[in-house]
Amino acid sequence: MLIERFATVLNKRSFMECFRIDESGYTGFDLLNAEQPFQGAAAVSINDEEAERLIKEHFPSLQATELKYQALSRRPKNHPRLLGLLGDIHTNYKCVTYVCDKRFLLLLIFLDYAVEPFYFERGIDFYADGQNYSLASLLYFAGPTLLDKGAFDALLAAFQTAMKEKTRKALEDLVTAARKTKWNQLPEAIGPLAGYGAPECLSAIATPGVSTDAALVVLQSLISRMEVMADGPYRVEHDQSKNLLSYHNLLERYINHDDEIEFRQSEIASIK
C-alpha cells in the first residue's frame, strides 16, 4: 500500500508543471552592501530534456551540464550565444525575472517601520496615492544632499542594525543617528524619529520577525507571476546553495499555509 501511494505521488509530480528558480545578489539583512547593490531572482518553467537540448544547441562544445553566466560571459565569443539562449527562453517558455535596487528597497522598509506608524497614530493614511513610493524616491535621489550624505548613510546603517538586533541600545543609536542628519530639511521622513523619538515607530522596528531581509519581497514578486502563468497546481525546484535556503524556508511557509487567503501587494500583483 505504501509503495502504491509513493508511486502515485511520483506520478503526480512528473505531470505537475515545474518552475525552476535561482537568485543573485542575496546579502541577508544588509541592503547597503556596496559590492552587490542589486538583488534578483528568476523562474522558468522548463523540463530537464528541454534544458539539456537548449544547452547543446547554444553551447555545443560545453562539457559542463550547468551554465555559469559569470564564467561564460568573460569570453566575448559567448555573448551572442547567451543572447540567443535568452531569446529562446523568453520566446518559448514561461519565465519571469525580478530585480530590485536594495538601497531603494531599504528606504521603502524604513518608511514602513520608522515613519508610517507615526502617521497611522494620527489618523493619516501614509500610503494613499503611493505617497510612500514618492517619498522613498525623494530620499533616494535628494536625501544625501538634503540630509548630509555621511549622516544619511549612517542613519540607514543604524536602521538595518536596529531591525536586526532589536535591542534598546540599537534603537537608541537609531534615534541618535536620525538627529545627526539635517532632518529639518525633510521632516516628513526623518521627523518621527529625530523630532519625536516616536515610540510607535520604535515598537514597530522591535517587532519580532520583521527584518530588512529582501528574500520575501523577491520571492513574492516571482510567485505573483508564477500564479498567473501556471495552468494549475505547480511545484518549485531550486538548488541547495546557502542563499536559497532562505527562499526554501519561505516557500515551505506558503505551502504549509492551510487557510484560504489572498495577499494583494498591488493592483497587478497578488498571491492566493
C-alpha atoms as a PDB file:
ATOM      1  CA  MET A   1       0.000   0.000   0.000  1.00  0.00           C
ATOM      2  CA  LEU A   2       2.790   2.418   0.925  1.00  0.00           C
ATOM      3  CA  ILE A   3       4.596   1.660  -2.364  1.00  0.00           C
ATOM      4  CA  GLU A   4       1.392   2.381  -4.297  1.00  0.00           C
ATOM      5  CA  ARG A   5       0.975   5.719  -2.532  1.00  0.00           C
ATOM      6  CA  PHE A   6       4.599   6.614  -3.205  1.00  0.00           C
ATOM      7  CA  ALA A   7       4.158   5.741  -6.884  1.00  0.00           C
ATOM      8  CA  THR A   8       1.049   7.932  -7.049  1.00  0.00           C
ATOM      9  CA  VAL A   9       2.978  10.873  -5.573  1.00  0.00           C
ATOM     10  CA  LEU A  10       5.801  10.401  -8.078  1.00  0.00           C
ATOM     11  CA  ASN A  11       3.312  10.181 -10.926  1.00  0.00           C
ATOM     12  CA  LYS A  12       1.616  13.421  -9.866  1.00  0.00           C
ATOM     13  CA  ARG A  13       4.973  15.173  -9.546  1.00  0.00           C
ATOM     14  CA  SER A  14       6.054  14.091 -13.031  1.00  0.00           C
ATOM     15  CA  PHE A  15       2.982  15.678 -14.639  1.00  0.00           C
ATOM     16  CA  MET A  16       2.796  18.803 -12.475  1.00  0.00           C
ATOM     17  CA  GLU A  17       4.216  21.958 -14.030  1.00  0.00           C
ATOM     18  CA  CYS A  18       7.583  22.829 -12.543  1.00  0.00           C
ATOM     19  CA  PHE A  19       9.229  26.233 -12.201  1.00  0.00           C
ATOM     20  CA  ARG A  20      12.981  26.274 -11.598  1.00  0.00           C
ATOM     21  CA  ILE A  21      14.179  29.304  -9.623  1.00  0.00           C
ATOM     22  CA  ASP A  22      17.549  30.850  -8.805  1.00  0.00           C
ATOM     23  CA  GLU A  23      18.711  34.038  -7.114  1.00  0.00           C
ATOM     24  CA  SER A  24      21.508  36.572  -7.312  1.00  0.00           C
ATOM     25  CA  GLY A  25      22.828  39.293  -5.020  1.00  0.00           C
ATOM     26  CA  TYR A  26      21.424  37.975  -1.734  1.00  0.00           C
ATOM     27  CA  THR A  27      23.164  39.590   1.274  1.00  0.00           C
ATOM     28  CA  GLY A  28      20.648  38.861   4.019  1.00  0.00           C
ATOM     29  CA  PHE A  29      19.624  41.821   6.179  1.00  0.00           C
ATOM     30  CA  ASP A  30      22.431  44.013   4.752  1.00  0.00           C
ATOM     31  CA  LEU A  31      20.886  46.002   1.897  1.00  0.00           C
ATOM     32  CA  LEU A  32      23.757  48.520   1.824  1.00  0.00           C
ATOM     33  CA  ASN A  33      26.370  46.076   0.516  1.00  0.00           C
ATOM     34  CA  ALA A  34      28.391  48.201  -1.940  1.00  0.00           C
ATOM     35  CA  GLU A  35      29.632  45.213  -3.941  1.00  0.00           C
ATOM     36  CA  GLN A  36      26.122  43.824  -4.550  1.00  0.00           C
ATOM     37  CA  PRO A  37      23.690  46.749  -4.870  1.00  0.00           C
ATOM     38  CA  PHE A  38      21.035  44.704  -6.661  1.00  0.00           C
ATOM     39  CA  GLN A  39      19.131  41.565  -5.692  1.00  0.00           C
ATOM     40  CA  GLY A  40      17.169  39.455  -8.110  1.00  0.00           C
ATOM     41  CA  ALA A  41      15.652  36.095  -8.832  1.00  0.00           C
ATOM     42  CA  ALA A  42      14.322  34.311 -11.893  1.00  0.00           C
ATOM     43  CA  ALA A  43      11.880  31.483 -12.550  1.00  0.00           C
ATOM     44  CA  VAL A  44      11.430  29.435 -15.709  1.00  0.00           C
ATOM     45  CA  SER A  45       9.037  26.604 -16.492  1.00  0.00           C
ATOM     46  CA  ILE A  46      11.143  24.067 -18.356  1.00  0.00           C
ATOM     47  CA  ASN A  47      11.803  20.328 -18.104  1.00  0.00           C
ATOM     48  CA  ASP A  48      15.201  18.625 -17.967  1.00  0.00           C
ATOM     49  CA  GLU A  49      15.082  17.405 -21.568  1.00  0.00           C
ATOM     50  CA  GLU A  50      14.333  20.856 -22.987  1.00  0.00           C
ATOM     51  CA  ALA A  51      17.013  22.472 -20.810  1.00  0.00           C
ATOM     52  CA  GLU A  52      19.587  19.930 -21.989  1.00  0.00           C
ATOM     53  CA  ARG A  53      18.572  20.497 -25.622  1.00  0.00           C
ATOM     54  CA  LEU A  54      18.985  24.274 -25.306  1.00  0.00           C
ATOM     55  CA  ILE A  55      22.438  23.905 -23.738  1.00  0.00           C
ATOM     56  CA  LYS A  56      23.591  21.645 -26.560  1.00  0.00           C
ATOM     57  CA  GLU A  57      22.056  23.889 -29.199  1.00  0.00           C
ATOM     58  CA  HIS A  58      23.607  27.140 -27.994  1.00  0.00           C
ATOM     59  CA  PHE A  59      26.798  25.768 -26.417  1.00  0.00           C
ATOM     60  CA  PRO A  60      27.584  22.577 -28.374  1.00  0.00           C
ATOM     61  CA  SER A  61      31.206  22.345 -27.170  1.00  0.00           C
ATOM     62  CA  LEU A  62      30.435  22.916 -23.480  1.00  0.00           C
ATOM     63  CA  GLN A  63      31.233  19.921 -21.286  1.00  0.00           C
ATOM     64  CA  ALA A  64      29.517  21.108 -18.092  1.00  0.00           C
ATOM     65  CA  THR A  65      25.844  20.282 -17.542  1.00  0.00           C
ATOM     66  CA  GLU A  66      25.122  23.624 -15.829  1.00  0.00           C
ATOM     67  CA  LEU A  67      25.607  27.044 -17.398  1.00  0.00           C
ATOM     68  CA  LYS A  68      27.553  29.524 -15.268  1.00  0.00           C
ATOM     69  CA  TYR A  69      26.921  33.036 -16.564  1.00  0.00           C
ATOM     70  CA  GLN A  70      29.908  34.599 -14.822  1.00  0.00           C
ATOM     71  CA  ALA A  71      32.292  32.143 -16.477  1.00  0.00           C
ATOM     72  CA  LEU A  72      30.645  32.196 -19.901  1.00  0.00           C
ATOM     73  CA  SER A  73      30.299  35.984 -20.093  1.00  0.00           C
ATOM     74  CA  ARG A  74      34.054  36.513 -19.721  1.00  0.00           C
ATOM     75  CA  ARG A  75      34.570  35.387 -23.330  1.00  0.00           C
ATOM     76  CA  PRO A  76      33.200  37.781 -25.977  1.00  0.00           C
ATOM     77  CA  LYS A  77      32.502  34.873 -28.350  1.00  0.00           C
ATOM     78  CA  ASN A  78      29.907  33.580 -25.876  1.00  0.00           C
ATOM     79  CA  HIS A  79      27.888  36.827 -25.821  1.00  0.00           C
ATOM     80  CA  PRO A  80      25.847  36.085 -28.993  1.00  0.00           C
ATOM     81  CA  ARG A  81      25.188  32.565 -27.677  1.00  0.00           C
ATOM     82  CA  LEU A  82      23.963  33.864 -24.323  1.00  0.00           C
ATOM     83  CA  LEU A  83      21.694  36.383 -26.048  1.00  0.00           C
ATOM     84  CA  GLY A  84      20.405  33.644 -28.355  1.00  0.00           C
ATOM     85  CA  LEU A  85      19.656  31.395 -25.376  1.00  0.00           C
ATOM     86  CA  LEU A  86      17.820  34.204 -23.575  1.00  0.00           C
ATOM     87  CA  GLY A  87      15.830  34.940 -26.723  1.00  0.00           C
ATOM     88  CA  ASP A  88      14.828  31.287 -26.994  1.00  0.00           C
ATOM     89  CA  ILE A  89      13.729  31.122 -23.359  1.00  0.00           C
ATOM     90  CA  HIS A  90      11.765  34.387 -23.455  1.00  0.00           C
ATOM     91  CA  THR A  91      10.012  33.394 -26.669  1.00  0.00           C
ATOM     92  CA  ASN A  92       9.161  29.779 -25.955  1.00  0.00           C
ATOM     93  CA  TYR A  93       8.926  29.299 -22.178  1.00  0.00           C
ATOM     94  CA  LYS A  94       7.085  30.801 -19.222  1.00  0.00           C
ATOM     95  CA  CYS A  95       9.634  32.858 -17.338  1.00  0.00           C
ATOM     96  CA  VAL A  96       9.988  35.902 -15.120  1.00  0.00           C
ATOM     97  CA  THR A  97      12.898  37.842 -13.644  1.00  0.00           C
ATOM     98  CA  TYR A  98      12.675  40.292 -10.750  1.00  0.00           C
ATOM     99  CA  VAL A  99      15.468  42.729  -9.887  1.00  0.00           C
ATOM    100  CA  CYS A 100      15.427  45.356  -7.149  1.00  0.00           C
ATOM    101  CA  ASP A 101      17.729  48.160  -6.081  1.00  0.00           C
ATOM    102  CA  LYS A 102      18.467  47.170  -2.490  1.00  0.00           C
ATOM    103  CA  ARG A 103      19.082  50.711  -1.269  1.00  0.00           C
ATOM    104  CA  PHE A 104      15.696  51.852  -2.602  1.00  0.00           C
ATOM    105  CA  LEU A 105      14.034  48.823  -1.020  1.00  0.00           C
ATOM    106  CA  LEU A 106      15.706  49.655   2.303  1.00  0.00           C
ATOM    107  CA  LEU A 107      14.234  53.164   2.084  1.00  0.00           C
ATOM    108  CA  LEU A 108      10.761  51.709   1.497  1.00  0.00           C
ATOM    109  CA  ILE A 109      11.193  49.456   4.543  1.00  0.00           C
ATOM    110  CA  PHE A 110      12.459  52.449   6.549  1.00  0.00           C
ATOM    111  CA  LEU A 111       9.283  54.330   5.685  1.00  0.00           C
ATOM    112  CA  ASP A 112       7.158  51.294   6.600  1.00  0.00           C
ATOM    113  CA  TYR A 113       8.569  50.963  10.113  1.00  0.00           C
ATOM    114  CA  ALA A 114      10.338  54.204  11.071  1.00  0.00           C
ATOM    115  CA  VAL A 115       7.784  56.626   9.620  1.00  0.00           C
ATOM    116  CA  GLU A 116       4.328  55.177   8.788  1.00  0.00           C
ATOM    117  CA  PRO A 117       3.338  54.177  12.372  1.00  0.00           C
ATOM    118  CA  PHE A 118       3.742  57.842  13.397  1.00  0.00           C
ATOM    119  CA  TYR A 119       1.192  58.934  10.789  1.00  0.00           C
ATOM    120  CA  PHE A 120      -1.122  55.990  11.478  1.00  0.00           C
ATOM    121  CA  GLU A 121      -1.378  57.009  15.132  1.00  0.00           C
ATOM    122  CA  ARG A 122      -2.568  60.418  13.937  1.00  0.00           C
ATOM    123  CA  GLY A 123      -5.171  59.055  11.526  1.00  0.00           C
ATOM    124  CA  ILE A 124      -3.234  59.796   8.332  1.00  0.00           C
ATOM    125  CA  ASP A 125      -3.101  57.234   5.504  1.00  0.00           C
ATOM    126  CA  PHE A 126       0.604  57.324   4.685  1.00  0.00           C
ATOM    127  CA  TYR A 127       0.167  55.010   1.687  1.00  0.00           C
ATOM    128  CA  ALA A 128      -2.608  56.977  -0.069  1.00  0.00           C
ATOM    129  CA  ASP A 129      -1.847  57.682  -3.736  1.00  0.00           C
ATOM    130  CA  GLY A 130       1.568  56.000  -3.462  1.00  0.00           C
ATOM    131  CA  GLN A 131       2.969  58.676  -1.141  1.00  0.00           C
ATOM    132  CA  ASN A 132       5.412  56.166   0.341  1.00  0.00           C
ATOM    133  CA  TYR A 133       6.943  55.490  -3.083  1.00  0.00           C
ATOM    134  CA  SER A 134       7.183  59.210  -3.833  1.00  0.00           C
ATOM    135  CA  LEU A 135       8.907  59.904  -0.526  1.00  0.00           C
ATOM    136  CA  ALA A 136      11.256  56.933  -0.989  1.00  0.00           C
ATOM    137  CA  SER A 137      12.223  58.287  -4.419  1.00  0.00           C
ATOM    138  CA  LEU A 138      12.850  61.722  -2.940  1.00  0.00           C
ATOM    139  CA  LEU A 139      15.039  60.224  -0.221  1.00  0.00           C
ATOM    140  CA  TYR A 140      16.903  58.071  -2.747  1.00  0.00           C
ATOM    141  CA  PHE A 141      17.839  60.928  -5.059  1.00  0.00           C
ATOM    142  CA  ALA A 142      17.865  64.004  -2.812  1.00  0.00           C
ATOM    143  CA  GLY A 143      18.417  62.524   0.652  1.00  0.00           C
ATOM    144  CA  PRO A 144      22.230  62.511   0.541  1.00  0.00           C
ATOM    145  CA  THR A 145      22.276  66.210  -0.432  1.00  0.00           C
ATOM    146  CA  LEU A 146      19.483  67.432   1.852  1.00  0.00           C
ATOM    147  CA  LEU A 147      20.340  65.422   4.950  1.00  0.00           C
ATOM    148  CA  ASP A 148      24.170  65.249   4.655  1.00  0.00           C
ATOM    149  CA  LYS A 149      25.426  62.160   2.855  1.00  0.00           C
ATOM    150  CA  GLY A 150      27.572  60.765   5.683  1.00  0.00           C
ATOM    151  CA  ALA A 151      24.855  61.235   8.296  1.00  0.00           C
ATOM    152  CA  PHE A 152      22.189  59.831   5.968  1.00  0.00           C
ATOM    153  CA  ASP A 153      24.267  56.720   5.247  1.00  0.00           C
ATOM    154  CA  ALA A 154      24.838  56.281   8.992  1.00  0.00           C
ATOM    155  CA  LEU A 155      21.087  56.556   9.586  1.00  0.00           C
ATOM    156  CA  LEU A 156      20.308  53.782   7.089  1.00  0.00           C
ATOM    157  CA  ALA A 157      23.044  51.577   8.571  1.00  0.00           C
ATOM    158  CA  ALA A 158      21.663  52.186  12.082  1.00  0.00           C
ATOM    159  CA  PHE A 159      18.150  51.369  10.877  1.00  0.00           C
ATOM    160  CA  GLN A 160      19.010  47.979   9.426  1.00  0.00           C
ATOM    161  CA  THR A 161      21.062  47.159  12.530  1.00  0.00           C
ATOM    162  CA  ALA A 162      18.095  48.077  14.748  1.00  0.00           C
ATOM    163  CA  MET A 163      15.771  45.931  12.615  1.00  0.00           C
ATOM    164  CA  LYS A 164      18.142  43.004  13.064  1.00  0.00           C
ATOM    165  CA  GLU A 165      19.195  43.326  16.711  1.00  0.00           C
ATOM    166  CA  LYS A 166      16.024  44.906  18.231  1.00  0.00           C
ATOM    167  CA  THR A 167      17.896  45.871  21.391  1.00  0.00           C
ATOM    168  CA  ARG A 168      17.307  49.048  23.389  1.00  0.00           C
ATOM    169  CA  LYS A 169      20.801  50.270  22.514  1.00  0.00           C
ATOM    170  CA  ALA A 170      20.282  49.685  18.782  1.00  0.00           C
ATOM    171  CA  LEU A 171      17.011  51.644  18.906  1.00  0.00           C
ATOM    172  CA  GLU A 172      18.643  54.498  20.855  1.00  0.00           C
ATOM    173  CA  ASP A 173      21.505  54.556  18.339  1.00  0.00           C
ATOM    174  CA  LEU A 174      18.939  54.822  15.549  1.00  0.00           C
ATOM    175  CA  VAL A 175      17.276  57.878  17.091  1.00  0.00           C
ATOM    176  CA  THR A 176      20.694  59.441  17.670  1.00  0.00           C
ATOM    177  CA  ALA A 177      21.654  58.817  14.041  1.00  0.00           C
ATOM    178  CA  ALA A 178      18.405  60.429  12.859  1.00  0.00           C
ATOM    179  CA  ARG A 179      19.102  63.540  14.952  1.00  0.00           C
ATOM    180  CA  LYS A 180      22.607  63.863  13.475  1.00  0.00           C
ATOM    181  CA  THR A 181      21.146  64.347   9.995  1.00  0.00           C
ATOM    182  CA  LYS A 182      19.853  67.698   8.742  1.00  0.00           C
ATOM    183  CA  TRP A 183      16.435  66.269   9.376  1.00  0.00           C
ATOM    184  CA  ASN A 184      14.662  69.649   9.362  1.00  0.00           C
ATOM    185  CA  GLN A 185      15.277  69.703   5.620  1.00  0.00           C
ATOM    186  CA  LEU A 186      12.903  66.744   5.246  1.00  0.00           C
ATOM    187  CA  PRO A 187      10.913  66.429   8.493  1.00  0.00           C
ATOM    188  CA  GLU A 188       8.145  64.435   6.777  1.00  0.00           C
ATOM    189  CA  ALA A 189      10.508  61.446   6.608  1.00  0.00           C
ATOM    190  CA  ILE A 190      13.011  61.885   9.425  1.00  0.00           C
ATOM    191  CA  GLY A 191      10.926  63.901  11.883  1.00  0.00           C
ATOM    192  CA  PRO A 192       9.096  60.982  13.536  1.00  0.00           C
ATOM    193  CA  LEU A 193      12.428  59.616  14.815  1.00  0.00           C
ATOM    194  CA  ALA A 194      14.541  62.763  15.092  1.00  0.00           C
ATOM    195  CA  GLY A 195      11.859  65.128  16.356  1.00  0.00           C
ATOM    196  CA  TYR A 196       9.754  62.821  18.476  1.00  0.00           C
ATOM    197  CA  GLY A 197      11.652  59.554  19.001  1.00  0.00           C
ATOM    198  CA  ALA A 198       8.239  58.150  18.110  1.00  0.00           C
ATOM    199  CA  PRO A 199       7.592  55.137  20.394  1.00  0.00           C
ATOM    200  CA  GLU A 200       5.112  53.671  17.886  1.00  0.00           C
ATOM    201  CA  CYS A 201       7.877  53.570  15.255  1.00  0.00           C
ATOM    202  CA  LEU A 202      10.430  52.085  17.652  1.00  0.00           C
ATOM    203  CA  SER A 203       7.879  49.463  18.677  1.00  0.00           C
ATOM    204  CA  ALA A 204       7.277  48.535  15.034  1.00  0.00           C
ATOM    205  CA  ILE A 205      11.024  48.182  14.421  1.00  0.00           C
ATOM    206  CA  ALA A 206      11.360  45.983  17.538  1.00  0.00           C
ATOM    207  CA  THR A 207       8.562  43.648  16.413  1.00  0.00           C
ATOM    208  CA  PRO A 208       9.859  40.043  16.351  1.00  0.00           C
ATOM    209  CA  GLY A 209      10.100  38.557  12.888  1.00  0.00           C
ATOM    210  CA  VAL A 210      10.303  41.755  10.836  1.00  0.00           C
ATOM    211  CA  SER A 211      13.615  42.435   9.134  1.00  0.00           C
ATOM    212  CA  THR A 212      15.299  44.098   6.179  1.00  0.00           C
ATOM    213  CA  ASP A 213      15.926  40.733   4.514  1.00  0.00           C
ATOM    214  CA  ALA A 214      14.675  41.146   0.928  1.00  0.00           C
ATOM    215  CA  ALA A 215      14.124  37.440   0.210  1.00  0.00           C
ATOM    216  CA  LEU A 216      10.396  37.641   0.991  1.00  0.00           C
ATOM    217  CA  VAL A 217       9.863  40.632  -1.317  1.00  0.00           C
ATOM    218  CA  VAL A 218      11.787  38.985  -4.157  1.00  0.00           C
ATOM    219  CA  LEU A 219      10.040  35.634  -3.734  1.00  0.00           C
ATOM    220  CA  GLN A 220       6.580  37.237  -3.563  1.00  0.00           C
ATOM    221  CA  SER A 221       7.341  39.004  -6.822  1.00  0.00           C
ATOM    222  CA  LEU A 222       8.208  35.705  -8.500  1.00  0.00           C
ATOM    223  CA  ILE A 223       5.215  33.851  -7.064  1.00  0.00           C
ATOM    224  CA  SER A 224       2.749  36.563  -8.090  1.00  0.00           C
ATOM    225  CA  ARG A 225       3.789  35.984 -11.721  1.00  0.00           C
ATOM    226  CA  MET A 226       4.018  32.189 -11.431  1.00  0.00           C
ATOM    227  CA  GLU A 227       0.435  32.210 -10.137  1.00  0.00           C
ATOM    228  CA  VAL A 228      -0.623  33.970 -13.344  1.00  0.00           C
ATOM    229  CA  MET A 229       1.494  31.882 -15.707  1.00  0.00           C
ATOM    230  CA  ALA A 230       0.750  28.427 -14.270  1.00  0.00           C
ATOM    231  CA  ASP A 231      -2.107  26.442 -15.807  1.00  0.00           C
ATOM    232  CA  GLY A 232      -2.918  24.779 -12.473  1.00  0.00           C
ATOM    233  CA  PRO A 233      -1.059  23.395  -9.449  1.00  0.00           C
ATOM    234  CA  TYR A 234       2.703  23.754  -9.826  1.00  0.00           C
ATOM    235  CA  ARG A 235       5.857  22.967  -7.939  1.00  0.00           C
ATOM    236  CA  VAL A 236       9.100  24.881  -7.466  1.00  0.00           C
ATOM    237  CA  GLU A 237      12.629  23.478  -7.610  1.00  0.00           C
ATOM    238  CA  HIS A 238      15.922  25.144  -6.703  1.00  0.00           C
ATOM    239  CA  ASP A 239      19.491  24.164  -5.978  1.00  0.00           C
ATOM    240  CA  GLN A 240      20.801  23.725  -2.450  1.00  0.00           C
ATOM    241  CA  SER A 241      23.016  26.792  -2.203  1.00  0.00           C
ATOM    242  CA  LYS A 242      23.205  28.536   1.166  1.00  0.00           C
ATOM    243  CA  ASN A 243      21.421  31.650  -0.129  1.00  0.00           C
ATOM    244  CA  LEU A 244      18.455  29.689  -1.425  1.00  0.00           C
ATOM    245  CA  LEU A 245      17.837  28.135   1.986  1.00  0.00           C
ATOM    246  CA  SER A 246      16.098  31.390   2.992  1.00  0.00           C
ATOM    247  CA  TYR A 247      13.888  31.168  -0.081  1.00  0.00           C
ATOM    248  CA  HIS A 248      13.235  27.488   0.633  1.00  0.00           C
ATOM    249  CA  ASN A 249      12.011  28.231   4.159  1.00  0.00           C
ATOM    250  CA  LEU A 250       9.685  30.939   2.832  1.00  0.00           C
ATOM    251  CA  LEU A 251       8.330  28.576   0.178  1.00  0.00           C
ATOM    252  CA  GLU A 252       7.634  25.986   2.871  1.00  0.00           C
ATOM    253  CA  ARG A 253       5.661  28.593   4.827  1.00  0.00           C
ATOM    254  CA  TYR A 254       3.494  29.290   1.790  1.00  0.00           C
ATOM    255  CA  ILE A 255       2.978  25.580   1.089  1.00  0.00           C
ATOM    256  CA  ASN A 256       2.057  24.800   4.702  1.00  0.00           C
ATOM    257  CA  HIS A 257      -0.488  27.628   4.938  1.00  0.00           C
ATOM    258  CA  ASP A 258      -3.843  25.838   5.171  1.00  0.00           C
ATOM    259  CA  ASP A 259      -6.286  28.758   5.258  1.00  0.00           C
ATOM    260  CA  GLU A 260      -7.693  30.247   2.070  1.00  0.00           C
ATOM    261  CA  ILE A 261      -6.442  33.809   1.758  1.00  0.00           C
ATOM    262  CA  GLU A 262      -5.340  36.316  -0.853  1.00  0.00           C
ATOM    263  CA  PHE A 263      -2.467  38.788  -0.414  1.00  0.00           C
ATOM    264  CA  ARG A 264      -2.624  41.808  -2.729  1.00  0.00           C
ATOM    265  CA  GLN A 265       0.705  43.640  -2.924  1.00  0.00           C
ATOM    266  CA  SER A 266      -0.526  45.918  -5.704  1.00  0.00           C
ATOM    267  CA  GLU A 267      -3.180  46.148  -8.403  1.00  0.00           C
ATOM    268  CA  ILE A 268      -1.217  43.723 -10.612  1.00  0.00           C
ATOM    269  CA  ALA A 269       0.461  41.513  -8.013  1.00  0.00           C
ATOM    270  CA  SER A 270      -1.323  39.066  -5.744  1.00  0.00           C
ATOM    271  CA  ILE A 271      -0.904  35.625  -4.211  1.00  0.00           C
ATOM    272  CA  LYS A 272      -3.675  33.170  -3.313  1.00  0.00           C
END
